[in-house]
Amino acid sequence: MLQQVELALRSDCRCAITLDEMRSEASAAGLTGVEIEAALAQRSFDVRTSALVSLACAIKSDNAAALKNARQQATALGWSDREIASFARIAKGMIDAPTLRPSAVASNRENRNFAAQQ
């Protein structure tokens, strides 16, 4: 679910290399191609996940009406106020985190591979 939220939040990225890297990571995490494309379109096939995707995108947009609507939708789909507040903190962290440049992502992967071989 968090992978889908991150894809939705980063869907406005205009760097094809970064988007390809995000798709690869999502695929490695177990998402199918259609799930990845849905997340990049800011939705999910699971209605409860879709509500959290909408909530995260509303937080990112800083639109009070969209945020209110997304919270109501999440509540209607069974998310508790506590779960919504906890998720909102996670989403804000994702929003505030920088998107790694492709070269940084590749470098991090190479470092992990090197460390694993040692």
PDB file of N, CA and C in Angstrom:
ATOM      1  N   MET A   1       0.811  -1.190   0.000  1.00  0.00           N
ATOM      2  CA  MET A   1       0.000   0.000   0.000  1.00  0.00           C
ATOM      3  C   MET A   1       0.864   1.267   0.000  1.00  0.00           C
ATOM      4  N   LEU A   2       1.884   1.306   0.835  1.00  0.00           N
ATOM      5  CA  LEU A   2       2.726   2.500   0.886  1.00  0.00           C
ATOM      6  C   LEU A   2       3.464   2.729  -0.427  1.00  0.00           C
ATOM      7  N   GLN A   3       3.804   1.646  -1.107  1.00  0.00           N
ATOM      8  CA  GLN A   3       4.453   1.776  -2.418  1.00  0.00           C
ATOM      9  C   GLN A   3       3.504   2.480  -3.393  1.00  0.00           C
ATOM     10  N   GLN A   4       2.218   2.128  -3.336  1.00  0.00           N
ATOM     11  CA  GLN A   4       1.233   2.762  -4.211  1.00  0.00           C
ATOM     12  C   GLN A   4       1.081   4.239  -3.869  1.00  0.00           C
ATOM     13  N   VAL A   5       1.071   4.549  -2.586  1.00  0.00           N
ATOM     14  CA  VAL A   5       0.955   5.944  -2.155  1.00  0.00           C
ATOM     15  C   VAL A   5       2.164   6.745  -2.640  1.00  0.00           C
ATOM     16  N   GLU A   6       3.347   6.173  -2.480  1.00  0.00           N
ATOM     17  CA  GLU A   6       4.548   6.883  -2.935  1.00  0.00           C
ATOM     18  C   GLU A   6       4.523   7.118  -4.442  1.00  0.00           C
ATOM     19  N   LEU A   7       4.093   6.127  -5.204  1.00  0.00           N
ATOM     20  CA  LEU A   7       3.973   6.312  -6.654  1.00  0.00           C
ATOM     21  C   LEU A   7       3.000   7.443  -6.973  1.00  0.00           C
ATOM     22  N   ALA A   8       1.872   7.465  -6.291  1.00  0.00           N
ATOM     23  CA  ALA A   8       0.878   8.514  -6.532  1.00  0.00           C
ATOM     24  C   ALA A   8       1.452   9.891  -6.208  1.00  0.00           C
ATOM     25  N   LEU A   9       2.163   9.981  -5.098  1.00  0.00           N
ATOM     26  CA  LEU A   9       2.732  11.269  -4.695  1.00  0.00           C
ATOM     27  C   LEU A   9       3.822  11.746  -5.647  1.00  0.00           C
ATOM     28  N   ARG A  10       4.524  10.826  -6.265  1.00  0.00           N
ATOM     29  CA  ARG A  10       5.620  11.181  -7.173  1.00  0.00           C
ATOM     30  C   ARG A  10       5.195  11.160  -8.641  1.00  0.00           C
ATOM     31  N   SER A  11       3.918  10.952  -8.891  1.00  0.00           N
ATOM     32  CA  SER A  11       3.439  10.803 -10.271  1.00  0.00           C
ATOM     33  C   SER A  11       3.626  12.057 -11.120  1.00  0.00           C
ATOM     34  N   ASP A  12       3.839  13.195 -10.481  1.00  0.00           N
ATOM     35  CA  ASP A  12       4.044  14.429 -11.246  1.00  0.00           C
ATOM     36  C   ASP A  12       5.509  14.620 -11.662  1.00  0.00           C
ATOM     37  N   CYS A  13       6.349  13.660 -11.332  1.00  0.00           N
ATOM     38  CA  CYS A  13       7.761  13.710 -11.730  1.00  0.00           C
ATOM     39  C   CYS A  13       7.841  13.658 -13.254  1.00  0.00           C
ATOM     40  N   ARG A  14       8.653  14.511 -13.839  1.00  0.00           N
ATOM     41  CA  ARG A  14       8.762  14.573 -15.300  1.00  0.00           C
ATOM     42  C   ARG A  14      10.029  13.893 -15.822  1.00  0.00           C
ATOM     43  N   CYS A  15      10.758  13.243 -14.930  1.00  0.00           N
ATOM     44  CA  CYS A  15      11.993  12.564 -15.334  1.00  0.00           C
ATOM     45  C   CYS A  15      11.675  11.105 -15.663  1.00  0.00           C
ATOM     46  N   ALA A  16      11.789  10.747 -16.925  1.00  0.00           N
ATOM     47  CA  ALA A  16      11.471   9.382 -17.365  1.00  0.00           C
ATOM     48  C   ALA A  16      12.350   8.347 -16.673  1.00  0.00           C
ATOM     49  N   ILE A  17      13.593   8.689 -16.422  1.00  0.00           N
ATOM     50  CA  ILE A  17      14.508   7.749 -15.766  1.00  0.00           C
ATOM     51  C   ILE A  17      14.048   7.484 -14.335  1.00  0.00           C
ATOM     52  N   THR A  18      13.683   8.541 -13.620  1.00  0.00           N
ATOM     53  CA  THR A  18      13.205   8.385 -12.247  1.00  0.00           C
ATOM     54  C   THR A  18      11.915   7.578 -12.221  1.00  0.00           C
ATOM     55  N   LEU A  19      10.991   7.880 -13.131  1.00  0.00           N
ATOM     56  CA  LEU A  19       9.735   7.125 -13.187  1.00  0.00           C
ATOM     57  C   LEU A  19       9.984   5.651 -13.488  1.00  0.00           C
ATOM     58  N   ASP A  20      10.897   5.366 -14.396  1.00  0.00           N
ATOM     59  CA  ASP A  20      11.234   3.969 -14.697  1.00  0.00           C
ATOM     60  C   ASP A  20      11.809   3.270 -13.471  1.00  0.00           C
ATOM     61  N   GLU A  21      12.650   3.969 -12.737  1.00  0.00           N
ATOM     62  CA  GLU A  21      13.235   3.404 -11.515  1.00  0.00           C
ATOM     63  C   GLU A  21      12.139   3.134 -10.481  1.00  0.00           C
ATOM     64  N   MET A  22      11.203   4.062 -10.340  1.00  0.00           N
ATOM     65  CA  MET A  22      10.101   3.864  -9.401  1.00  0.00           C
ATOM     66  C   MET A  22       9.239   2.675  -9.817  1.00  0.00           C
ATOM     67  N   ARG A  23       8.997   2.538 -11.112  1.00  0.00           N
ATOM     68  CA  ARG A  23       8.237   1.383 -11.615  1.00  0.00           C
ATOM     69  C   ARG A  23       8.968   0.076 -11.293  1.00  0.00           C
ATOM     70  N   SER A  24      10.268   0.061 -11.500  1.00  0.00           N
ATOM     71  CA  SER A  24      11.066  -1.141 -11.224  1.00  0.00           C
ATOM     72  C   SER A  24      11.021  -1.508  -9.747  1.00  0.00           C
ATOM     73  N   GLU A  25      11.158  -0.511  -8.889  1.00  0.00           N
ATOM     74  CA  GLU A  25      11.108  -0.763  -7.450  1.00  0.00           C
ATOM     75  C   GLU A  25       9.733  -1.269  -7.033  1.00  0.00           C
ATOM     76  N   ALA A  26       8.679  -0.690  -7.598  1.00  0.00           N
ATOM     77  CA  ALA A  26       7.322  -1.129  -7.272  1.00  0.00           C
ATOM     78  C   ALA A  26       7.092  -2.559  -7.742  1.00  0.00           C
ATOM     79  N   SER A  27       7.598  -2.878  -8.913  1.00  0.00           N
ATOM     80  CA  SER A  27       7.477  -4.238  -9.440  1.00  0.00           C
ATOM     81  C   SER A  27       8.227  -5.223  -8.548  1.00  0.00           C
ATOM     82  N   ALA A  28       9.416  -4.842  -8.124  1.00  0.00           N
ATOM     83  CA  ALA A  28      10.203  -5.696  -7.232  1.00  0.00           C
ATOM     84  C   ALA A  28       9.510  -5.882  -5.883  1.00  0.00           C
ATOM     85  N   ALA A  29       8.694  -4.896  -5.491  1.00  0.00           N
ATOM     86  CA  ALA A  29       7.944  -4.986  -4.237  1.00  0.00           C
ATOM     87  C   ALA A  29       6.677  -5.821  -4.385  1.00  0.00           C
ATOM     88  N   GLY A  30       6.384  -6.258  -5.621  1.00  0.00           N
ATOM     89  CA  GLY A  30       5.246  -7.148  -5.826  1.00  0.00           C
ATOM     90  C   GLY A  30       4.038  -6.547  -6.512  1.00  0.00           C
ATOM     91  N   LEU A  31       4.106  -5.280  -6.895  1.00  0.00           N
ATOM     92  CA  LEU A  31       2.971  -4.681  -7.598  1.00  0.00           C
ATOM     93  C   LEU A  31       2.976  -5.114  -9.058  1.00  0.00           C
ATOM     94  N   THR A  32       1.794  -5.323  -9.601  1.00  0.00           N
ATOM     95  CA  THR A  32       1.678  -5.660 -11.019  1.00  0.00           C
ATOM     96  C   THR A  32       1.768  -4.383 -11.849  1.00  0.00           C
ATOM     97  N   GLY A  33       1.942  -4.543 -13.140  1.00  0.00           N
ATOM     98  CA  GLY A  33       2.012  -3.392 -14.034  1.00  0.00           C
ATOM     99  C   GLY A  33       0.773  -2.515 -13.966  1.00  0.00           C
ATOM    100  N   VAL A  34      -0.403  -3.132 -13.928  1.00  0.00           N
ATOM    101  CA  VAL A  34      -1.634  -2.329 -13.876  1.00  0.00           C
ATOM    102  C   VAL A  34      -1.786  -1.641 -12.522  1.00  0.00           C
ATOM    103  N   GLU A  35      -1.314  -2.268 -11.445  1.00  0.00           N
ATOM    104  CA  GLU A  35      -1.355  -1.611 -10.136  1.00  0.00           C
ATOM    105  C   GLU A  35      -0.417  -0.406 -10.111  1.00  0.00           C
ATOM    106  N   ILE A  36       0.726  -0.552 -10.740  1.00  0.00           N
ATOM    107  CA  ILE A  36       1.690   0.552 -10.809  1.00  0.00           C
ATOM    108  C   ILE A  36       1.110   1.714 -11.606  1.00  0.00           C
ATOM    109  N   GLU A  37       0.539   1.419 -12.750  1.00  0.00           N
ATOM    110  CA  GLU A  37      -0.044   2.482 -13.582  1.00  0.00           C
ATOM    111  C   GLU A  37      -1.233   3.142 -12.883  1.00  0.00           C
ATOM    112  N   ALA A  38      -2.025   2.354 -12.167  1.00  0.00           N
ATOM    113  CA  ALA A  38      -3.140   2.930 -11.405  1.00  0.00           C
ATOM    114  C   ALA A  38      -2.608   3.878 -10.336  1.00  0.00           C
ATOM    115  N   ALA A  39      -1.565   3.469  -9.635  1.00  0.00           N
ATOM    116  CA  ALA A  39      -0.983   4.322  -8.599  1.00  0.00           C
ATOM    117  C   ALA A  39      -0.431   5.610  -9.196  1.00  0.00           C
ATOM    118  N   LEU A  40       0.209   5.507 -10.354  1.00  0.00           N
ATOM    119  CA  LEU A  40       0.719   6.712 -11.012  1.00  0.00           C
ATOM    120  C   LEU A  40      -0.411   7.627 -11.475  1.00  0.00           C
ATOM    121  N   ALA A  41      -1.612   7.059 -11.630  1.00  0.00           N
ATOM    122  CA  ALA A  41      -2.801   7.852 -11.957  1.00  0.00           C
ATOM    123  C   ALA A  41      -3.549   8.257 -10.682  1.00  0.00           C
ATOM    124  N   GLN A  42      -2.908   8.051  -9.537  1.00  0.00           N
ATOM    125  CA  GLN A  42      -3.423   8.431  -8.221  1.00  0.00           C
ATOM    126  C   GLN A  42      -4.695   7.689  -7.842  1.00  0.00           C
ATOM    127  N   ARG A  43      -4.687   6.376  -8.090  1.00  0.00           N
ATOM    128  CA  ARG A  43      -5.808   5.545  -7.656  1.00  0.00           C
ATOM    129  C   ARG A  43      -5.303   4.132  -7.396  1.00  0.00           C
ATOM    130  N   SER A  44      -6.183   3.311  -6.845  1.00  0.00           N
ATOM    131  CA  SER A  44      -5.862   1.914  -6.573  1.00  0.00           C
ATOM    132  C   SER A  44      -7.106   1.089  -6.840  1.00  0.00           C
ATOM    133  N   PHE A  45      -6.909  -0.180  -7.146  1.00  0.00           N
ATOM    134  CA  PHE A  45      -8.047  -1.070  -7.358  1.00  0.00           C
ATOM    135  C   PHE A  45      -8.690  -1.474  -6.037  1.00  0.00           C
ATOM    136  N   ASP A  46      -7.963  -1.346  -4.945  1.00  0.00           N
ATOM    137  CA  ASP A  46      -8.500  -1.610  -3.614  1.00  0.00           C
ATOM    138  C   ASP A  46      -9.091  -0.306  -3.078  1.00  0.00           C
ATOM    139  N   VAL A  47     -10.372  -0.308  -2.717  1.00  0.00           N
ATOM    140  CA  VAL A  47     -11.027   0.950  -2.334  1.00  0.00           C
ATOM    141  C   VAL A  47     -10.434   1.566  -1.073  1.00  0.00           C
ATOM    142  N   ARG A  48     -10.020   0.737  -0.123  1.00  0.00           N
ATOM    143  CA  ARG A  48      -9.432   1.296   1.106  1.00  0.00           C
ATOM    144  C   ARG A  48      -8.063   1.928   0.815  1.00  0.00           C
ATOM    145  N   THR A  49      -7.287   1.287  -0.016  1.00  0.00           N
ATOM    146  CA  THR A  49      -5.999   1.865  -0.416  1.00  0.00           C
ATOM    147  C   THR A  49      -6.226   3.130  -1.228  1.00  0.00           C
ATOM    148  N   SER A  50      -7.221   3.103  -2.096  1.00  0.00           N
ATOM    149  CA  SER A  50      -7.540   4.269  -2.909  1.00  0.00           C
ATOM    150  C   SER A  50      -7.889   5.472  -2.030  1.00  0.00           C
ATOM    151  N   ALA A  51      -8.579   5.220  -0.930  1.00  0.00           N
ATOM    152  CA  ALA A  51      -8.923   6.306  -0.010  1.00  0.00           C
ATOM    153  C   ALA A  51      -7.662   6.929   0.585  1.00  0.00           C
ATOM    154  N   LEU A  52      -6.678   6.101   0.913  1.00  0.00           N
ATOM    155  CA  LEU A  52      -5.434   6.635   1.469  1.00  0.00           C
ATOM    156  C   LEU A  52      -4.598   7.340   0.405  1.00  0.00           C
ATOM    157  N   VAL A  53      -4.641   6.842  -0.810  1.00  0.00           N
ATOM    158  CA  VAL A  53      -3.971   7.532  -1.918  1.00  0.00           C
ATOM    159  C   VAL A  53      -4.583   8.924  -2.083  1.00  0.00           C
ATOM    160  N   SER A  54      -5.909   8.992  -2.057  1.00  0.00           N
ATOM    161  CA  SER A  54      -6.597  10.286  -2.177  1.00  0.00           C
ATOM    162  C   SER A  54      -6.229  11.207  -1.021  1.00  0.00           C
ATOM    163  N   LEU A  55      -6.157  10.648   0.175  1.00  0.00           N
ATOM    164  CA  LEU A  55      -5.794  11.442   1.345  1.00  0.00           C
ATOM    165  C   LEU A  55      -4.378  12.004   1.202  1.00  0.00           C
ATOM    166  N   ALA A  56      -3.445  11.166   0.798  1.00  0.00           N
ATOM    167  CA  ALA A  56      -2.060  11.620   0.623  1.00  0.00           C
ATOM    168  C   ALA A  56      -1.971  12.717  -0.439  1.00  0.00           C
ATOM    169  N   CYS A  57      -2.673  12.525  -1.540  1.00  0.00           N
ATOM    170  CA  CYS A  57      -2.647  13.528  -2.615  1.00  0.00           C
ATOM    171  C   CYS A  57      -3.309  14.831  -2.172  1.00  0.00           C
ATOM    172  N   ALA A  58      -4.342  14.728  -1.344  1.00  0.00           N
ATOM    173  CA  ALA A  58      -4.992  15.930  -0.818  1.00  0.00           C
ATOM    174  C   ALA A  58      -4.054  16.675   0.128  1.00  0.00           C
ATOM    175  N   ILE A  59      -3.321  15.932   0.937  1.00  0.00           N
ATOM    176  CA  ILE A  59      -2.339  16.561   1.823  1.00  0.00           C
ATOM    177  C   ILE A  59      -1.287  17.284   0.983  1.00  0.00           C
ATOM    178  N   LYS A  60      -0.807  16.628  -0.051  1.00  0.00           N
ATOM    179  CA  LYS A  60       0.215  17.235  -0.916  1.00  0.00           C
ATOM    180  C   LYS A  60      -0.308  18.500  -1.592  1.00  0.00           C
ATOM    181  N   SER A  61      -1.565  18.477  -2.028  1.00  0.00           N
ATOM    182  CA  SER A  61      -2.127  19.635  -2.733  1.00  0.00           C
ATOM    183  C   SER A  61      -2.417  20.801  -1.797  1.00  0.00           C
ATOM    184  N   ASP A  62      -2.471  20.520  -0.495  1.00  0.00           N
ATOM    185  CA  ASP A  62      -2.776  21.544   0.506  1.00  0.00           C
ATOM    186  C   ASP A  62      -4.124  22.209   0.232  1.00  0.00           C
ATOM    187  N   ASN A  63      -5.073  21.404  -0.267  1.00  0.00           N
ATOM    188  CA  ASN A  63      -6.422  21.870  -0.582  1.00  0.00           C
ATOM    189  C   ASN A  63      -7.346  21.424   0.543  1.00  0.00           C
ATOM    190  N   ALA A  64      -7.858  22.387   1.319  1.00  0.00           N
ATOM    191  CA  ALA A  64      -8.666  22.068   2.498  1.00  0.00           C
ATOM    192  C   ALA A  64      -9.920  21.274   2.146  1.00  0.00           C
ATOM    193  N   ALA A  65     -10.596  21.640   1.071  1.00  0.00           N
ATOM    194  CA  ALA A  65     -11.819  20.929   0.681  1.00  0.00           C
ATOM    195  C   ALA A  65     -11.505  19.492   0.264  1.00  0.00           C
ATOM    196  N   ALA A  66     -10.436  19.305  -0.504  1.00  0.00           N
ATOM    197  CA  ALA A  66     -10.040  17.956  -0.929  1.00  0.00           C
ATOM    198  C   ALA A  66      -9.627  17.122   0.274  1.00  0.00           C
ATOM    199  N   LEU A  67      -8.940  17.731   1.224  1.00  0.00           N
ATOM    200  CA  LEU A  67      -8.511  17.022   2.423  1.00  0.00           C
ATOM    201  C   LEU A  67      -9.715  16.588   3.256  1.00  0.00           C
ATOM    202  N   LYS A  68     -10.676  17.486   3.419  1.00  0.00           N
ATOM    203  CA  LYS A  68     -11.888  17.146   4.175  1.00  0.00           C
ATOM    204  C   LYS A  68     -12.624  15.993   3.495  1.00  0.00           C
ATOM    205  N   ASN A  69     -12.781  16.068   2.192  1.00  0.00           N
ATOM    206  CA  ASN A  69     -13.458  15.020   1.431  1.00  0.00           C
ATOM    207  C   ASN A  69     -12.716  13.686   1.549  1.00  0.00           C
ATOM    208  N   ALA A  70     -11.388  13.723   1.437  1.00  0.00           N
ATOM    209  CA  ALA A  70     -10.585  12.496   1.521  1.00  0.00           C
ATOM    210  C   ALA A  70     -10.679  11.873   2.909  1.00  0.00           C
ATOM    211  N   ARG A  71     -10.665  12.695   3.947  1.00  0.00           N
ATOM    212  CA  ARG A  71     -10.821  12.171   5.318  1.00  0.00           C
ATOM    213  C   ARG A  71     -12.191  11.515   5.491  1.00  0.00           C
ATOM    214  N   GLN A  72     -13.236  12.160   4.973  1.00  0.00           N
ATOM    215  CA  GLN A  72     -14.584  11.588   5.064  1.00  0.00           C
ATOM    216  C   GLN A  72     -14.663  10.263   4.318  1.00  0.00           C
ATOM    217  N   GLN A  73     -14.042  10.200   3.152  1.00  0.00           N
ATOM    218  CA  GLN A  73     -14.035   8.971   2.361  1.00  0.00           C
ATOM    219  C   GLN A  73     -13.308   7.858   3.120  1.00  0.00           C
ATOM    220  N   ALA A  74     -12.163   8.174   3.697  1.00  0.00           N
ATOM    221  CA  ALA A  74     -11.396   7.176   4.452  1.00  0.00           C
ATOM    222  C   ALA A  74     -12.194   6.674   5.654  1.00  0.00           C
ATOM    223  N   THR A  75     -12.861   7.581   6.344  1.00  0.00           N
ATOM    224  CA  THR A  75     -13.689   7.195   7.488  1.00  0.00           C
ATOM    225  C   THR A  75     -14.839   6.298   7.042  1.00  0.00           C
ATOM    226  N   ALA A  76     -15.479   6.658   5.950  1.00  0.00           N
ATOM    227  CA  ALA A  76     -16.603   5.866   5.434  1.00  0.00           C
ATOM    228  C   ALA A  76     -16.167   4.456   5.031  1.00  0.00           C
ATOM    229  N   LEU A  77     -14.901   4.303   4.671  1.00  0.00           N
ATOM    230  CA  LEU A  77     -14.394   2.990   4.255  1.00  0.00           C
ATOM    231  C   LEU A  77     -13.759   2.211   5.402  1.00  0.00           C
ATOM    232  N   GLY A  78     -13.942   2.714   6.623  1.00  0.00           N
ATOM    233  CA  GLY A  78     -13.537   1.946   7.793  1.00  0.00           C
ATOM    234  C   GLY A  78     -12.221   2.319   8.438  1.00  0.00           C
ATOM    235  N   TRP A  79     -11.531   3.330   7.928  1.00  0.00           N
ATOM    236  CA  TRP A  79     -10.303   3.761   8.577  1.00  0.00           C
ATOM    237  C   TRP A  79     -10.674   4.583   9.807  1.00  0.00           C
ATOM    238  N   SER A  80     -10.060   4.305  10.948  1.00  0.00           N
ATOM    239  CA  SER A  80     -10.345   5.043  12.180  1.00  0.00           C
ATOM    240  C   SER A  80      -9.643   6.402  12.147  1.00  0.00           C
ATOM    241  N   ASP A  81     -10.099   7.305  13.009  1.00  0.00           N
ATOM    242  CA  ASP A  81      -9.454   8.619  13.099  1.00  0.00           C
ATOM    243  C   ASP A  81      -7.974   8.472  13.457  1.00  0.00           C
ATOM    244  N   ARG A  82      -7.682   7.523  14.327  1.00  0.00           N
ATOM    245  CA  ARG A  82      -6.291   7.287  14.734  1.00  0.00           C
ATOM    246  C   ARG A  82      -5.457   6.788  13.545  1.00  0.00           C
ATOM    247  N   GLU A  83      -6.007   5.859  12.770  1.00  0.00           N
ATOM    248  CA  GLU A  83      -5.300   5.346  11.591  1.00  0.00           C
ATOM    249  C   GLU A  83      -5.087   6.445  10.554  1.00  0.00           C
ATOM    250  N   ILE A  84      -6.099   7.269  10.371  1.00  0.00           N
ATOM    251  CA  ILE A  84      -5.999   8.368   9.404  1.00  0.00           C
ATOM    252  C   ILE A  84      -4.917   9.356   9.836  1.00  0.00           C
ATOM    253  N   ALA A  85      -4.899   9.698  11.128  1.00  0.00           N
ATOM    254  CA  ALA A  85      -3.883  10.629  11.635  1.00  0.00           C
ATOM    255  C   ALA A  85      -2.481  10.038  11.498  1.00  0.00           C
ATOM    256  N   SER A  86      -2.348   8.757  11.804  1.00  0.00           N
ATOM    257  CA  SER A  86      -1.052   8.087  11.673  1.00  0.00           C
ATOM    258  C   SER A  86      -0.604   8.063  10.214  1.00  0.00           C
ATOM    259  N   PHE A  87      -1.524   7.711   9.331  1.00  0.00           N
ATOM    260  CA  PHE A  87      -1.191   7.687   7.911  1.00  0.00           C
ATOM    261  C   PHE A  87      -0.839   9.085   7.409  1.00  0.00           C
ATOM    262  N   ALA A  88      -1.554  10.102   7.869  1.00  0.00           N
ATOM    263  CA  ALA A  88      -1.273  11.478   7.441  1.00  0.00           C
ATOM    264  C   ALA A  88       0.163  11.862   7.792  1.00  0.00           C
ATOM    265  N   ARG A  89       0.642  11.438   8.965  1.00  0.00           N
ATOM    266  CA  ARG A  89       2.036  11.721   9.340  1.00  0.00           C
ATOM    267  C   ARG A  89       3.003  11.018   8.386  1.00  0.00           C
ATOM    268  N   ILE A  90       2.691   9.771   8.040  1.00  0.00           N
ATOM    269  CA  ILE A  90       3.538   9.025   7.101  1.00  0.00           C
ATOM    270  C   ILE A  90       3.543   9.717   5.737  1.00  0.00           C
ATOM    271  N   ALA A  91       2.361  10.107   5.275  1.00  0.00           N
ATOM    272  CA  ALA A  91       2.248  10.766   3.968  1.00  0.00           C
ATOM    273  C   ALA A  91       3.023  12.079   3.947  1.00  0.00           C
ATOM    274  N   LYS A  92       2.937  12.857   5.024  1.00  0.00           N
ATOM    275  CA  LYS A  92       3.686  14.117   5.087  1.00  0.00           C
ATOM    276  C   LYS A  92       5.183  13.856   5.009  1.00  0.00           C
ATOM    277  N   GLY A  93       5.631  12.791   5.648  1.00  0.00           N
ATOM    278  CA  GLY A  93       7.044  12.417   5.563  1.00  0.00           C
ATOM    279  C   GLY A  93       7.449  12.069   4.145  1.00  0.00           C
ATOM    280  N   MET A  94       6.582  11.358   3.432  1.00  0.00           N
ATOM    281  CA  MET A  94       6.859  11.016   2.030  1.00  0.00           C
ATOM    282  C   MET A  94       6.905  12.273   1.169  1.00  0.00           C
ATOM    283  N   ILE A  95       5.985  13.177   1.430  1.00  0.00           N
ATOM    284  CA  ILE A  95       5.910  14.415   0.646  1.00  0.00           C
ATOM    285  C   ILE A  95       7.157  15.266   0.869  1.00  0.00           C
ATOM    286  N   ASP A  96       7.593  15.341   2.113  1.00  0.00           N
ATOM    287  CA  ASP A  96       8.748  16.175   2.450  1.00  0.00           C
ATOM    288  C   ASP A  96      10.076  15.548   2.041  1.00  0.00           C
ATOM    289  N   ALA A  97      10.081  14.234   1.826  1.00  0.00           N
ATOM    290  CA  ALA A  97      11.324  13.548   1.444  1.00  0.00           C
ATOM    291  C   ALA A  97      11.656  13.869  -0.008  1.00  0.00           C
ATOM    292  N   PRO A  98      12.921  14.120  -0.281  1.00  0.00           N
ATOM    293  CA  PRO A  98      13.297  14.401  -1.677  1.00  0.00           C
ATOM    294  C   PRO A  98      13.189  13.143  -2.531  1.00  0.00           C
ATOM    295  N   THR A  99      12.884  13.342  -3.796  1.00  0.00           N
ATOM    296  CA  THR A  99      12.914  12.237  -4.749  1.00  0.00           C
ATOM    297  C   THR A  99      14.370  12.036  -5.137  1.00  0.00           C
ATOM    298  N   LEU A 100      14.857  10.813  -4.977  1.00  0.00           N
ATOM    299  CA  LEU A 100      16.252  10.541  -5.323  1.00  0.00           C
ATOM    300  C   LEU A 100      16.475  10.704  -6.812  1.00  0.00           C
ATOM    301  N   ARG A 101      17.584  11.308  -7.156  1.00  0.00           N
ATOM    302  CA  ARG A 101      17.981  11.375  -8.562  1.00  0.00           C
ATOM    303  C   ARG A 101      18.346   9.971  -9.011  1.00  0.00           C
ATOM    304  N   PRO A 102      18.113   9.643 -10.256  1.00  0.00           N
ATOM    305  CA  PRO A 102      18.416   8.286 -10.742  1.00  0.00           C
ATOM    306  C   PRO A 102      19.841   7.845 -10.449  1.00  0.00           C
ATOM    307  N   SER A 103      20.804   8.741 -10.590  1.00  0.00           N
ATOM    308  CA  SER A 103      22.193   8.350 -10.334  1.00  0.00           C
ATOM    309  C   SER A 103      22.396   8.015  -8.865  1.00  0.00           C
ATOM    310  N   ALA A 104      21.687   8.707  -7.980  1.00  0.00           N
ATOM    311  CA  ALA A 104      21.791   8.413  -6.551  1.00  0.00           C
ATOM    312  C   ALA A 104      21.156   7.068  -6.241  1.00  0.00           C
ATOM    313  N   VAL A 105      20.037   6.771  -6.885  1.00  0.00           N
ATOM    314  CA  VAL A 105      19.380   5.484  -6.687  1.00  0.00           C
ATOM    315  C   VAL A 105      20.296   4.363  -7.155  1.00  0.00           C
ATOM    316  N   ALA A 106      20.877   4.516  -8.334  1.00  0.00           N
ATOM    317  CA  ALA A 106      21.783   3.492  -8.864  1.00  0.00           C
ATOM    318  C   ALA A 106      22.999   3.338  -7.962  1.00  0.00           C
ATOM    319  N   SER A 107      23.535   4.439  -7.472  1.00  0.00           N
ATOM    320  CA  SER A 107      24.691   4.391  -6.592  1.00  0.00           C
ATOM    321  C   SER A 107      24.350   3.670  -5.297  1.00  0.00           C
ATOM    322  N   ASN A 108      23.172   3.954  -4.727  1.00  0.00           N
ATOM    323  CA  ASN A 108      22.745   3.268  -3.510  1.00  0.00           C
ATOM    324  C   ASN A 108      22.605   1.778  -3.753  1.00  0.00           C
ATOM    325  N   ARG A 109      22.065   1.391  -4.894  1.00  0.00           N
ATOM    326  CA  ARG A 109      21.901  -0.024  -5.228  1.00  0.00           C
ATOM    327  C   ARG A 109      23.269  -0.685  -5.349  1.00  0.00           C
ATOM    328  N   GLU A 110      24.207  -0.022  -6.021  1.00  0.00           N
ATOM    329  CA  GLU A 110      25.552  -0.578  -6.167  1.00  0.00           C
ATOM    330  C   GLU A 110      26.218  -0.739  -4.813  1.00  0.00           C
ATOM    331  N   ASN A 111      26.032   0.231  -3.922  1.00  0.00           N
ATOM    332  CA  ASN A 111      26.612   0.135  -2.584  1.00  0.00           C
ATOM    333  C   ASN A 111      26.023  -1.044  -1.817  1.00  0.00           C
ATOM    334  N   ARG A 112      24.711  -1.264  -1.933  1.00  0.00           N
ATOM    335  CA  ARG A 112      24.070  -2.401  -1.256  1.00  0.00           C
ATOM    336  C   ARG A 112      24.590  -3.712  -1.832  1.00  0.00           C
ATOM    337  N   ASN A 113      24.725  -3.780  -3.154  1.00  0.00           N
ATOM    338  CA  ASN A 113      25.235  -5.000  -3.788  1.00  0.00           C
ATOM    339  C   ASN A 113      26.668  -5.276  -3.353  1.00  0.00           C
ATOM    340  N   PHE A 114      27.486  -4.248  -3.292  1.00  0.00           N
ATOM    341  CA  PHE A 114      28.871  -4.412  -2.869  1.00  0.00           C
ATOM    342  C   PHE A 114      28.921  -4.909  -1.428  1.00  0.00           C
ATOM    343  N   ALA A 115      28.115  -4.284  -0.554  1.00  0.00           N
ATOM    344  CA  ALA A 115      28.100  -4.676   0.854  1.00  0.00           C
ATOM    345  C   ALA A 115      27.624  -6.118   1.018  1.00  0.00           C
ATOM    346  N   ALA A 116      26.671  -6.530   0.202  1.00  0.00           N
ATOM    347  CA  ALA A 116      26.147  -7.896   0.287  1.00  0.00           C
ATOM    348  C   ALA A 116      27.192  -8.920  -0.127  1.00  0.00           C
ATOM    349  N   GLN A 117      28.105  -8.523  -1.001  1.00  0.00           N
ATOM    350  CA  GLN A 117      29.134  -9.445  -1.479  1.00  0.00           C
ATOM    351  C   GLN A 117      30.269  -9.601  -0.476  1.00  0.00           C
ATOM    352  N   GLN A 118      30.378  -8.676   0.445  1.00  0.00           N
ATOM    353  CA  GLN A 118      31.478  -8.715   1.423  1.00  0.00           C
ATOM    354  C   GLN A 118      31.223  -9.702   2.529  1.00  0.00           C
TER     355      GLN A 118
END
